[in-house]
PDB file of N, CA and C in Angstrom:
ATOM      1  N   MET A   1       0.840  -1.179   0.000  1.00  0.00           N
ATOM      2  CA  MET A   1       0.000   0.000   0.000  1.00  0.00           C
ATOM      3  C   MET A   1       0.887   1.244   0.000  1.00  0.00           C
ATOM      4  N   ILE A   2       0.602   2.167  -0.897  1.00  0.00           N
ATOM      5  CA  ILE A   2       1.396   3.393  -1.020  1.00  0.00           C
ATOM      6  C   ILE A   2       0.848   4.488  -0.113  1.00  0.00           C
ATOM      7  N   ARG A   3      -0.477   4.552   0.002  1.00  0.00           N
ATOM      8  CA  ARG A   3      -1.126   5.566   0.829  1.00  0.00           C
ATOM      9  C   ARG A   3      -2.128   4.903   1.767  1.00  0.00           C
ATOM     10  N   GLU A   4      -2.274   5.495   2.942  1.00  0.00           N
ATOM     11  CA  GLU A   4      -3.314   5.060   3.879  1.00  0.00           C
ATOM     12  C   GLU A   4      -4.499   6.004   3.722  1.00  0.00           C
ATOM     13  N   VAL A   5      -5.696   5.463   3.633  1.00  0.00           N
ATOM     14  CA  VAL A   5      -6.910   6.260   3.480  1.00  0.00           C
ATOM     15  C   VAL A   5      -7.703   6.159   4.781  1.00  0.00           C
ATOM     16  N   ILE A   6      -8.031   7.327   5.354  1.00  0.00           N
ATOM     17  CA  ILE A   6      -8.852   7.352   6.562  1.00  0.00           C
ATOM     18  C   ILE A   6     -10.053   8.268   6.340  1.00  0.00           C
ATOM     19  N   PHE A   7     -11.063   8.113   7.191  1.00  0.00           N
ATOM     20  CA  PHE A   7     -12.263   8.949   7.123  1.00  0.00           C
ATOM     21  C   PHE A   7     -12.216   9.958   8.257  1.00  0.00           C
ATOM     22  N   TYR A   8     -12.584  11.200   7.965  1.00  0.00           N
ATOM     23  CA  TYR A   8     -12.718  12.200   9.020  1.00  0.00           C
ATOM     24  C   TYR A   8     -14.157  12.163   9.526  1.00  0.00           C
ATOM     25  N   LYS A   9     -14.319  11.817  10.778  1.00  0.00           N
ATOM     26  CA  LYS A   9     -15.620  11.658  11.427  1.00  0.00           C
ATOM     27  C   LYS A   9     -16.489  10.737  10.576  1.00  0.00           C
ATOM     28  N   ASN A  10     -17.787  11.041  10.456  1.00  0.00           N
ATOM     29  CA  ASN A  10     -18.670  10.126   9.727  1.00  0.00           C
ATOM     30  C   ASN A  10     -19.177  10.700   8.411  1.00  0.00           C
ATOM     31  N   TYR A  11     -18.603  11.789   7.948  1.00  0.00           N
ATOM     32  CA  TYR A  11     -19.114  12.451   6.746  1.00  0.00           C
ATOM     33  C   TYR A  11     -19.038  11.531   5.520  1.00  0.00           C
ATOM     34  N   PHE A  12     -17.885  10.932   5.303  1.00  0.00           N
ATOM     35  CA  PHE A  12     -17.746  10.053   4.148  1.00  0.00           C
ATOM     36  C   PHE A  12     -18.575   8.784   4.326  1.00  0.00           C
ATOM     37  N   SER A  13     -18.522   8.173   5.506  1.00  0.00           N
ATOM     38  CA  SER A  13     -19.241   6.908   5.708  1.00  0.00           C
ATOM     39  C   SER A  13     -20.752   7.091   5.559  1.00  0.00           C
ATOM     40  N   ASP A  14     -21.284   8.243   5.962  1.00  0.00           N
ATOM     41  CA  ASP A  14     -22.714   8.518   5.750  1.00  0.00           C
ATOM     42  C   ASP A  14     -23.028   8.587   4.254  1.00  0.00           C
ATOM     43  N   PHE A  15     -22.181   9.267   3.506  1.00  0.00           N
ATOM     44  CA  PHE A  15     -22.348   9.362   2.050  1.00  0.00           C
ATOM     45  C   PHE A  15     -22.283   7.978   1.422  1.00  0.00           C
ATOM     46  N   TYR A  16     -21.270   7.206   1.791  1.00  0.00           N
ATOM     47  CA  TYR A  16     -21.057   5.864   1.240  1.00  0.00           C
ATOM     48  C   TYR A  16     -22.260   4.954   1.530  1.00  0.00           C
ATOM     49  N   SER A  17     -22.737   4.974   2.750  1.00  0.00           N
ATOM     50  CA  SER A  17     -23.859   4.120   3.152  1.00  0.00           C
ATOM     51  C   SER A  17     -25.140   4.426   2.386  1.00  0.00           C
ATOM     52  N   ALA A  18     -25.281   5.653   1.933  1.00  0.00           N
ATOM     53  CA  ALA A  18     -26.502   6.060   1.221  1.00  0.00           C
ATOM     54  C   ALA A  18     -26.498   5.627  -0.247  1.00  0.00           C
ATOM     55  N   GLN A  19     -25.380   5.082  -0.738  1.00  0.00           N
ATOM     56  CA  GLN A  19     -25.267   4.716  -2.151  1.00  0.00           C
ATOM     57  C   GLN A  19     -25.734   3.276  -2.387  1.00  0.00           C
ATOM     58  N   THR A  20     -26.042   2.978  -3.643  1.00  0.00           N
ATOM     59  CA  THR A  20     -26.425   1.619  -4.013  1.00  0.00           C
ATOM     60  C   THR A  20     -25.198   0.713  -3.936  1.00  0.00           C
ATOM     61  N   PRO A  21     -25.394  -0.597  -3.843  1.00  0.00           N
ATOM     62  CA  PRO A  21     -24.242  -1.508  -3.805  1.00  0.00           C
ATOM     63  C   PRO A  21     -23.309  -1.350  -5.015  1.00  0.00           C
ATOM     64  N   LYS A  22     -23.847  -1.097  -6.197  1.00  0.00           N
ATOM     65  CA  LYS A  22     -22.990  -0.924  -7.385  1.00  0.00           C
ATOM     66  C   LYS A  22     -22.126   0.325  -7.269  1.00  0.00           C
ATOM     67  N   VAL A  23     -22.711   1.410  -6.788  1.00  0.00           N
ATOM     68  CA  VAL A  23     -21.937   2.642  -6.601  1.00  0.00           C
ATOM     69  C   VAL A  23     -20.896   2.428  -5.498  1.00  0.00           C
ATOM     70  N   GLN A  24     -21.267   1.721  -4.438  1.00  0.00           N
ATOM     71  CA  GLN A  24     -20.315   1.435  -3.367  1.00  0.00           C
ATOM     72  C   GLN A  24     -19.113   0.658  -3.897  1.00  0.00           C
ATOM     73  N   ARG A  25     -19.365  -0.309  -4.760  1.00  0.00           N
ATOM     74  CA  ARG A  25     -18.247  -1.076  -5.339  1.00  0.00           C
ATOM     75  C   ARG A  25     -17.345  -0.177  -6.181  1.00  0.00           C
ATOM     76  N   LYS A  26     -17.927   0.739  -6.919  1.00  0.00           N
ATOM     77  CA  LYS A  26     -17.125   1.662  -7.737  1.00  0.00           C
ATOM     78  C   LYS A  26     -16.291   2.576  -6.835  1.00  0.00           C
ATOM     79  N   ILE A  27     -16.896   3.051  -5.755  1.00  0.00           N
ATOM     80  CA  ILE A  27     -16.166   3.887  -4.793  1.00  0.00           C
ATOM     81  C   ILE A  27     -14.995   3.093  -4.220  1.00  0.00           C
ATOM     82  N   GLU A  28     -15.241   1.842  -3.833  1.00  0.00           N
ATOM     83  CA  GLU A  28     -14.174   0.993  -3.285  1.00  0.00           C
ATOM     84  C   GLU A  28     -13.052   0.798  -4.299  1.00  0.00           C
ATOM     85  N   TYR A  29     -13.410   0.609  -5.560  1.00  0.00           N
ATOM     86  CA  TYR A  29     -12.415   0.441  -6.625  1.00  0.00           C
ATOM     87  C   TYR A  29     -11.518   1.685  -6.721  1.00  0.00           C
ATOM     88  N   VAL A  30     -12.132   2.857  -6.740  1.00  0.00           N
ATOM     89  CA  VAL A  30     -11.361   4.096  -6.877  1.00  0.00           C
ATOM     90  C   VAL A  30     -10.505   4.332  -5.629  1.00  0.00           C
ATOM     91  N   LEU A  31     -11.040   4.052  -4.441  1.00  0.00           N
ATOM     92  CA  LEU A  31     -10.247   4.213  -3.220  1.00  0.00           C
ATOM     93  C   LEU A  31      -9.058   3.257  -3.203  1.00  0.00           C
ATOM     94  N   LYS A  32      -9.246   2.062  -3.747  1.00  0.00           N
ATOM     95  CA  LYS A  32      -8.129   1.115  -3.836  1.00  0.00           C
ATOM     96  C   LYS A  32      -7.041   1.668  -4.766  1.00  0.00           C
ATOM     97  N   LEU A  33      -7.466   2.270  -5.882  1.00  0.00           N
ATOM     98  CA  LEU A  33      -6.492   2.910  -6.782  1.00  0.00           C
ATOM     99  C   LEU A  33      -5.708   3.987  -6.039  1.00  0.00           C
ATOM    100  N   VAL A  34      -6.426   4.831  -5.311  1.00  0.00           N
ATOM    101  CA  VAL A  34      -5.779   5.927  -4.591  1.00  0.00           C
ATOM    102  C   VAL A  34      -4.762   5.389  -3.587  1.00  0.00           C
ATOM    103  N   SER A  35      -5.076   4.268  -2.950  1.00  0.00           N
ATOM    104  CA  SER A  35      -4.170   3.754  -1.925  1.00  0.00           C
ATOM    105  C   SER A  35      -3.031   2.899  -2.476  1.00  0.00           C
ATOM    106  N   THR A  36      -3.167   2.381  -3.701  1.00  0.00           N
ATOM    107  CA  THR A  36      -2.154   1.434  -4.187  1.00  0.00           C
ATOM    108  C   THR A  36      -1.375   1.873  -5.427  1.00  0.00           C
ATOM    109  N   VAL A  37      -1.869   2.829  -6.182  1.00  0.00           N
ATOM    110  CA  VAL A  37      -1.206   3.244  -7.418  1.00  0.00           C
ATOM    111  C   VAL A  37      -0.353   4.482  -7.140  1.00  0.00           C
ATOM    112  N   GLU A  38       0.916   4.424  -7.557  1.00  0.00           N
ATOM    113  CA  GLU A  38       1.810   5.542  -7.264  1.00  0.00           C
ATOM    114  C   GLU A  38       1.345   6.842  -7.905  1.00  0.00           C
ATOM    115  N   ARG A  39       1.031   6.799  -9.173  1.00  0.00           N
ATOM    116  CA  ARG A  39       0.551   7.997  -9.882  1.00  0.00           C
ATOM    117  C   ARG A  39      -0.903   7.766 -10.290  1.00  0.00           C
ATOM    118  N   VAL A  40      -1.802   8.256  -9.466  1.00  0.00           N
ATOM    119  CA  VAL A  40      -3.231   8.073  -9.723  1.00  0.00           C
ATOM    120  C   VAL A  40      -3.625   8.984 -10.886  1.00  0.00           C
ATOM    121  N   PRO A  41      -4.264   8.437 -11.922  1.00  0.00           N
ATOM    122  CA  PRO A  41      -4.682   9.273 -13.054  1.00  0.00           C
ATOM    123  C   PRO A  41      -5.628  10.390 -12.609  1.00  0.00           C
ATOM    124  N   GLU A  42      -5.513  11.539 -13.260  1.00  0.00           N
ATOM    125  CA  GLU A  42      -6.354  12.687 -12.934  1.00  0.00           C
ATOM    126  C   GLU A  42      -7.839  12.364 -13.105  1.00  0.00           C
ATOM    127  N   LYS A  43      -8.132  11.368 -13.895  1.00  0.00           N
ATOM    128  CA  LYS A  43      -9.529  10.935 -14.065  1.00  0.00           C
ATOM    129  C   LYS A  43     -10.130  10.525 -12.714  1.00  0.00           C
ATOM    130  N   PHE A  44      -9.289  10.068 -11.785  1.00  0.00           N
ATOM    131  CA  PHE A  44      -9.761   9.582 -10.488  1.00  0.00           C
ATOM    132  C   PHE A  44      -9.405  10.487  -9.309  1.00  0.00           C
ATOM    133  N   LEU A  45      -8.357  11.280  -9.421  1.00  0.00           N
ATOM    134  CA  LEU A  45      -7.921  12.139  -8.316  1.00  0.00           C
ATOM    135  C   LEU A  45      -7.367  13.433  -8.895  1.00  0.00           C
ATOM    136  N   LYS A  46      -7.984  14.551  -8.506  1.00  0.00           N
ATOM    137  CA  LYS A  46      -7.572  15.834  -9.082  1.00  0.00           C
ATOM    138  C   LYS A  46      -7.536  16.908  -8.005  1.00  0.00           C
ATOM    139  N   HIS A  47      -6.475  17.728  -8.051  1.00  0.00           N
ATOM    140  CA  HIS A  47      -6.374  18.874  -7.149  1.00  0.00           C
ATOM    141  C   HIS A  47      -7.428  19.897  -7.544  1.00  0.00           C
ATOM    142  N   LEU A  48      -8.082  20.483  -6.539  1.00  0.00           N
ATOM    143  CA  LEU A  48      -9.071  21.523  -6.814  1.00  0.00           C
ATOM    144  C   LEU A  48      -8.370  22.870  -6.899  1.00  0.00           C
ATOM    145  N   THR A  49      -8.369  23.448  -8.052  1.00  0.00           N
ATOM    146  CA  THR A  49      -7.736  24.743  -8.285  1.00  0.00           C
ATOM    147  C   THR A  49      -8.347  25.789  -7.363  1.00  0.00           C
ATOM    148  N   GLY A  50      -7.502  26.638  -6.805  1.00  0.00           N
ATOM    149  CA  GLY A  50      -7.976  27.716  -5.951  1.00  0.00           C
ATOM    150  C   GLY A  50      -8.206  27.308  -4.505  1.00  0.00           C
ATOM    151  N   THR A  51      -7.806  26.080  -4.151  1.00  0.00           N
ATOM    152  CA  THR A  51      -7.951  25.633  -2.767  1.00  0.00           C
ATOM    153  C   THR A  51      -6.575  25.388  -2.172  1.00  0.00           C
ATOM    154  N   ASN A  52      -6.544  25.268  -0.870  1.00  0.00           N
ATOM    155  CA  ASN A  52      -5.298  25.029  -0.163  1.00  0.00           C
ATOM    156  C   ASN A  52      -5.126  23.529   0.071  1.00  0.00           C
ATOM    157  N   GLY A  53      -4.809  22.794  -1.000  1.00  0.00           N
ATOM    158  CA  GLY A  53      -4.514  21.373  -0.856  1.00  0.00           C
ATOM    159  C   GLY A  53      -5.706  20.437  -0.856  1.00  0.00           C
ATOM    160  N   LEU A  54      -6.864  20.903  -1.296  1.00  0.00           N
ATOM    161  CA  LEU A  54      -8.019  20.012  -1.399  1.00  0.00           C
ATOM    162  C   LEU A  54      -7.967  19.267  -2.729  1.00  0.00           C
ATOM    163  N   TYR A  55      -8.351  18.001  -2.677  1.00  0.00           N
ATOM    164  CA  TYR A  55      -8.442  17.165  -3.872  1.00  0.00           C
ATOM    165  C   TYR A  55      -9.844  16.598  -3.953  1.00  0.00           C
ATOM    166  N   GLU A  56     -10.222  16.204  -5.160  1.00  0.00           N
ATOM    167  CA  GLU A  56     -11.485  15.493  -5.307  1.00  0.00           C
ATOM    168  C   GLU A  56     -11.205  14.124  -5.894  1.00  0.00           C
ATOM    169  N   ILE A  57     -11.788  13.125  -5.260  1.00  0.00           N
ATOM    170  CA  ILE A  57     -11.760  11.775  -5.802  1.00  0.00           C
ATOM    171  C   ILE A  57     -12.975  11.696  -6.706  1.00  0.00           C
ATOM    172  N   ARG A  58     -12.753  11.290  -7.943  1.00  0.00           N
ATOM    173  CA  ARG A  58     -13.780  11.348  -8.975  1.00  0.00           C
ATOM    174  C   ARG A  58     -14.299   9.952  -9.277  1.00  0.00           C
ATOM    175  N   ILE A  59     -15.604   9.789  -9.115  1.00  0.00           N
ATOM    176  CA  ILE A  59     -16.238   8.493  -9.327  1.00  0.00           C
ATOM    177  C   ILE A  59     -17.374   8.672 -10.318  1.00  0.00           C
ATOM    178  N   GLU A  60     -17.380   7.836 -11.332  1.00  0.00           N
ATOM    179  CA  GLU A  60     -18.484   7.833 -12.294  1.00  0.00           C
ATOM    180  C   GLU A  60     -19.076   6.448 -12.345  1.00  0.00           C
ATOM    181  N   HIS A  61     -20.405   6.406 -12.308  1.00  0.00           N
ATOM    182  CA  HIS A  61     -21.109   5.129 -12.436  1.00  0.00           C
ATOM    183  C   HIS A  61     -22.369   5.386 -13.247  1.00  0.00           C
ATOM    184  N   SER A  62     -22.511   4.633 -14.329  1.00  0.00           N
ATOM    185  CA  SER A  62     -23.608   4.862 -15.278  1.00  0.00           C
ATOM    186  C   SER A  62     -23.551   6.315 -15.705  1.00  0.00           C
ATOM    187  N   ASN A  63     -24.646   7.043 -15.540  1.00  0.00           N
ATOM    188  CA  ASN A  63     -24.643   8.460 -15.905  1.00  0.00           C
ATOM    189  C   ASN A  63     -24.481   9.362 -14.689  1.00  0.00           C
ATOM    190  N   ASN A  64     -24.099   8.793 -13.569  1.00  0.00           N
ATOM    191  CA  ASN A  64     -23.972   9.557 -12.329  1.00  0.00           C
ATOM    192  C   ASN A  64     -22.514   9.883 -12.033  1.00  0.00           C
ATOM    193  N   ILE A  65     -22.319  11.076 -11.517  1.00  0.00           N
ATOM    194  CA  ILE A  65     -20.980  11.535 -11.161  1.00  0.00           C
ATOM    195  C   ILE A  65     -20.973  11.840  -9.668  1.00  0.00           C
ATOM    196  N   PHE A  66     -19.981  11.302  -8.977  1.00  0.00           N
ATOM    197  CA  PHE A  66     -19.843  11.519  -7.538  1.00  0.00           C
ATOM    198  C   PHE A  66     -18.464  12.096  -7.272  1.00  0.00           C
ATOM    199  N   ARG A  67     -18.382  12.891  -6.217  1.00  0.00           N
ATOM    200  CA  ARG A  67     -17.105  13.457  -5.796  1.00  0.00           C
ATOM    201  C   ARG A  67     -16.938  13.234  -4.303  1.00  0.00           C
ATOM    202  N   VAL A  68     -15.708  12.939  -3.915  1.00  0.00           N
ATOM    203  CA  VAL A  68     -15.343  12.833  -2.500  1.00  0.00           C
ATOM    204  C   VAL A  68     -14.159  13.755  -2.300  1.00  0.00           C
ATOM    205  N   PHE A  69     -14.301  14.721  -1.415  1.00  0.00           N
ATOM    206  CA  PHE A  69     -13.204  15.630  -1.137  1.00  0.00           C
ATOM    207  C   PHE A  69     -12.241  14.989  -0.155  1.00  0.00           C
ATOM    208  N   CYS A  70     -10.960  15.290  -0.349  1.00  0.00           N
ATOM    209  CA  CYS A  70      -9.925  14.751   0.532  1.00  0.00           C
ATOM    210  C   CYS A  70      -8.732  15.689   0.524  1.00  0.00           C
ATOM    211  N   PHE A  71      -7.779  15.383   1.398  1.00  0.00           N
ATOM    212  CA  PHE A  71      -6.500  16.096   1.396  1.00  0.00           C
ATOM    213  C   PHE A  71      -5.445  15.144   1.942  1.00  0.00           C
ATOM    214  N   PHE A  72      -4.204  15.517   1.745  1.00  0.00           N
ATOM    215  CA  PHE A  72      -3.084  14.695   2.192  1.00  0.00           C
ATOM    216  C   PHE A  72      -2.552  15.235   3.514  1.00  0.00           C
ATOM    217  N   ASP A  73      -2.276  14.322   4.426  1.00  0.00           N
ATOM    218  CA  ASP A  73      -1.668  14.665   5.707  1.00  0.00           C
ATOM    219  C   ASP A  73      -0.453  13.762   5.868  1.00  0.00           C
ATOM    220  N   LYS A  74       0.656  14.300   6.290  1.00  0.00           N
ATOM    221  CA  LYS A  74       1.904  13.537   6.441  1.00  0.00           C
ATOM    222  C   LYS A  74       2.330  12.889   5.125  1.00  0.00           C
ATOM    223  N   GLY A  75       2.031  13.491   4.012  1.00  0.00           N
ATOM    224  CA  GLY A  75       2.500  12.989   2.721  1.00  0.00           C
ATOM    225  C   GLY A  75       1.726  11.831   2.148  1.00  0.00           C
ATOM    226  N   THR A  76       1.549  10.749   2.907  1.00  0.00           N
ATOM    227  CA  THR A  76       0.907   9.572   2.331  1.00  0.00           C
ATOM    228  C   THR A  76      -0.414   9.208   3.012  1.00  0.00           C
ATOM    229  N   LEU A  77      -0.865  10.039   3.936  1.00  0.00           N
ATOM    230  CA  LEU A  77      -2.154   9.802   4.590  1.00  0.00           C
ATOM    231  C   LEU A  77      -3.214  10.607   3.857  1.00  0.00           C
ATOM    232  N   VAL A  78      -4.223   9.927   3.323  1.00  0.00           N
ATOM    233  CA  VAL A  78      -5.316  10.596   2.604  1.00  0.00           C
ATOM    234  C   VAL A  78      -6.508  10.652   3.556  1.00  0.00           C
ATOM    235  N   VAL A  79      -6.952  11.868   3.854  1.00  0.00           N
ATOM    236  CA  VAL A  79      -8.076  12.063   4.763  1.00  0.00           C
ATOM    237  C   VAL A  79      -9.313  12.367   3.926  1.00  0.00           C
ATOM    238  N   LEU A  80     -10.298  11.464   3.981  1.00  0.00           N
ATOM    239  CA  LEU A  80     -11.536  11.658   3.235  1.00  0.00           C
ATOM    240  C   LEU A  80     -12.481  12.544   4.032  1.00  0.00           C
ATOM    241  N   LEU A  81     -13.032  13.518   3.352  1.00  0.00           N
ATOM    242  CA  LEU A  81     -14.005  14.410   3.975  1.00  0.00           C
ATOM    243  C   LEU A  81     -15.395  13.979   3.527  1.00  0.00           C
ATOM    244  N   GLN A  82     -16.172  14.871   2.951  1.00  0.00           N
ATOM    245  CA  GLN A  82     -17.525  14.491   2.555  1.00  0.00           C
ATOM    246  C   GLN A  82     -17.595  14.140   1.076  1.00  0.00           C
ATOM    247  N   GLY A  83     -18.669  13.447   0.721  1.00  0.00           N
ATOM    248  CA  GLY A  83     -18.926  13.113  -0.669  1.00  0.00           C
ATOM    249  C   GLY A  83     -20.286  13.641  -1.076  1.00  0.00           C
ATOM    250  N   PHE A  84     -20.490  13.771  -2.374  1.00  0.00           N
ATOM    251  CA  PHE A  84     -21.786  14.230  -2.874  1.00  0.00           C
ATOM    252  C   PHE A  84     -21.942  13.796  -4.323  1.00  0.00           C
ATOM    253  N   GLN A  85     -23.177  13.826  -4.788  1.00  0.00           N
ATOM    254  CA  GLN A  85     -23.444  13.536  -6.193  1.00  0.00           C
ATOM    255  C   GLN A  85     -23.417  14.847  -6.949  1.00  0.00           C
ATOM    256  N   LYS A  86     -22.642  14.877  -8.000  1.00  0.00           N
ATOM    257  CA  LYS A  86     -22.471  16.083  -8.798  1.00  0.00           C
ATOM    258  C   LYS A  86     -23.561  16.126  -9.857  1.00  0.00           C
ATOM    259  N   LYS A  87     -24.264  17.262  -9.931  1.00  0.00           N
ATOM    260  CA  LYS A  87     -25.384  17.363 -10.876  1.00  0.00           C
ATOM    261  C   LYS A  87     -25.198  18.469 -11.902  1.00  0.00           C
ATOM    262  N   SER A  88     -24.044  19.151 -11.842  1.00  0.00           N
ATOM    263  CA  SER A  88     -23.766  20.195 -12.819  1.00  0.00           C
ATOM    264  C   SER A  88     -22.288  20.133 -13.191  1.00  0.00           C
ATOM    265  N   LYS A  89     -21.907  20.872 -14.214  1.00  0.00           N
ATOM    266  CA  LYS A  89     -20.510  20.867 -14.679  1.00  0.00           C
ATOM    267  C   LYS A  89     -19.559  21.361 -13.597  1.00  0.00           C
ATOM    268  N   LYS A  90     -19.931  22.464 -12.940  1.00  0.00           N
ATOM    269  CA  LYS A  90     -19.060  23.057 -11.926  1.00  0.00           C
ATOM    270  C   LYS A  90     -19.333  22.450 -10.561  1.00  0.00           C
ATOM    271  N   THR A  91     -18.278  22.269  -9.787  1.00  0.00           N
ATOM    272  CA  THR A  91     -18.434  21.801  -8.417  1.00  0.00           C
ATOM    273  C   THR A  91     -19.050  22.933  -7.597  1.00  0.00           C
ATOM    274  N   PRO A  92     -20.160  22.660  -6.899  1.00  0.00           N
ATOM    275  CA  PRO A  92     -20.812  23.721  -6.119  1.00  0.00           C
ATOM    276  C   PRO A  92     -19.879  24.325  -5.076  1.00  0.00           C
ATOM    277  N   LEU A  93     -19.863  25.649  -5.020  1.00  0.00           N
ATOM    278  CA  LEU A  93     -18.997  26.375  -4.092  1.00  0.00           C
ATOM    279  C   LEU A  93     -19.299  25.980  -2.646  1.00  0.00           C
ATOM    280  N   ARG A  94     -20.557  25.759  -2.309  1.00  0.00           N
ATOM    281  CA  ARG A  94     -20.904  25.404  -0.926  1.00  0.00           C
ATOM    282  C   ARG A  94     -20.272  24.070  -0.520  1.00  0.00           C
ATOM    283  N   GLU A  95     -20.116  23.152  -1.477  1.00  0.00           N
ATOM    284  CA  GLU A  95     -19.473  21.867  -1.177  1.00  0.00           C
ATOM    285  C   GLU A  95     -17.975  22.060  -0.933  1.00  0.00           C
ATOM    286  N   ILE A  96     -17.357  22.925  -1.714  1.00  0.00           N
ATOM    287  CA  ILE A  96     -15.928  23.221  -1.528  1.00  0.00           C
ATOM    288  C   ILE A  96     -15.712  23.907  -0.184  1.00  0.00           C
ATOM    289  N   GLU A  97     -16.584  24.871   0.141  1.00  0.00           N
ATOM    290  CA  GLU A  97     -16.458  25.583   1.414  1.00  0.00           C
ATOM    291  C   GLU A  97     -16.635  24.629   2.593  1.00  0.00           C
ATOM    292  N   LYS A  98     -17.571  23.692   2.474  1.00  0.00           N
ATOM    293  CA  LYS A  98     -17.781  22.706   3.536  1.00  0.00           C
ATOM    294  C   LYS A  98     -16.527  21.844   3.712  1.00  0.00           C
ATOM    295  N   ALA A  99     -15.937  21.423   2.605  1.00  0.00           N
ATOM    296  CA  ALA A  99     -14.719  20.609   2.669  1.00  0.00           C
ATOM    297  C   ALA A  99     -13.581  21.389   3.318  1.00  0.00           C
ATOM    298  N   GLU A 100     -13.453  22.660   2.987  1.00  0.00           N
ATOM    299  CA  GLU A 100     -12.416  23.500   3.607  1.00  0.00           C
ATOM    300  C   GLU A 100     -12.627  23.589   5.111  1.00  0.00           C
ATOM    301  N   ARG A 101     -13.889  23.765   5.542  1.00  0.00           N
ATOM    302  CA  ARG A 101     -14.188  23.831   6.984  1.00  0.00           C
ATOM    303  C   ARG A 101     -13.831  22.521   7.675  1.00  0.00           C
ATOM    304  N   LEU A 102     -14.195  21.393   7.053  1.00  0.00           N
ATOM    305  CA  LEU A 102     -13.903  20.094   7.648  1.00  0.00           C
ATOM    306  C   LEU A 102     -12.394  19.866   7.756  1.00  0.00           C
ATOM    307  N   LYS A 103     -11.668  20.279   6.729  1.00  0.00           N
ATOM    308  CA  LYS A 103     -10.212  20.136   6.760  1.00  0.00           C
ATOM    309  C   LYS A 103      -9.628  20.935   7.922  1.00  0.00           C
ATOM    310  N   GLN A 104     -10.101  22.174   8.094  1.00  0.00           N
ATOM    311  CA  GLN A 104      -9.609  23.011   9.191  1.00  0.00           C
ATOM    312  C   GLN A 104      -9.958  22.409  10.554  1.00  0.00           C
ATOM    313  N   GLN A 105     -11.158  21.836  10.681  1.00  0.00           N
ATOM    314  CA  GLN A 105     -11.545  21.168  11.934  1.00  0.00           C
ATOM    315  C   GLN A 105     -10.590  20.014  12.230  1.00  0.00           C
ATOM    316  N   TYR A 106     -10.310  19.220  11.215  1.00  0.00           N
ATOM    317  CA  TYR A 106      -9.390  18.089  11.375  1.00  0.00           C
ATOM    318  C   TYR A 106      -8.025  18.576  11.856  1.00  0.00           C
ATOM    319  N   LEU A 107      -7.494  19.600  11.192  1.00  0.00           N
ATOM    320  CA  LEU A 107      -6.158  20.108  11.530  1.00  0.00           C
ATOM    321  C   LEU A 107      -6.131  20.709  12.920  1.00  0.00           C
ATOM    322  N   ARG A 108      -7.195  21.444  13.312  1.00  0.00           N
ATOM    323  CA  ARG A 108      -7.256  22.011  14.674  1.00  0.00           C
ATOM    324  C   ARG A 108      -7.309  20.883  15.712  1.00  0.00           C
ATOM    325  N   GLY A 109      -8.123  19.876  15.439  1.00  0.00           N
ATOM    326  CA  GLY A 109      -8.226  18.733  16.359  1.00  0.00           C
ATOM    327  C   GLY A 109      -6.903  18.007  16.505  1.00  0.00           C
ATOM    328  N   LYS A 110      -6.176  17.911  15.421  1.00  0.00           N
ATOM    329  CA  LYS A 110      -4.877  17.235  15.438  1.00  0.00           C
ATOM    330  C   LYS A 110      -3.873  18.022  16.291  1.00  0.00           C
ATOM    331  N   LYS A 111      -3.896  19.355  16.170  1.00  0.00           N
ATOM    332  CA  LYS A 111      -2.990  20.207  16.970  1.00  0.00           C
ATOM    333  C   LYS A 111      -3.295  20.088  18.454  1.00  0.00           C
ATOM    334  N   MET A 112      -4.576  19.956  18.791  1.00  0.00           N
ATOM    335  CA  MET A 112      -4.978  19.883  20.198  1.00  0.00           C
ATOM    336  C   MET A 112      -4.479  18.578  20.823  1.00  0.00           C
ATOM    337  N   LYS A 113      -4.328  17.534  20.023  1.00  0.00           N
ATOM    338  CA  LYS A 113      -3.872  16.243  20.542  1.00  0.00           C
ATOM    339  C   LYS A 113      -2.364  16.214  20.780  1.00  0.00           C
ATOM    340  N   LEU A 114      -1.637  17.142  20.152  1.00  0.00           N
ATOM    341  CA  LEU A 114      -0.179  17.155  20.303  1.00  0.00           C
ATOM    342  C   LEU A 114       0.279  17.685  21.621  1.00  0.00           C
TER     343      LEU A 114
END
């Protein structure tokens, strides 16, 4: 395994649980790529322009598009934030802002434990 993937609180697991079994399998496939492939194709993992280190994991199933926001901690630790179903070309700003808030919460919580 090249990267370790963890969930921040229950945001991702709630999203995952709400999906159909076929979508869940596709999500698992993409997460396995992220954790085991050295250079993950941009089709599956892309940096969000204009953010401070946020990435989106990109999942497509049938005609549905899903995104899971994440960021890297300690280089090889991938922290999954929330996921959502994308219904337009542009990623909704409110989803990006929520991911930024969750990332900051994670980082503040981590500092408090030190």
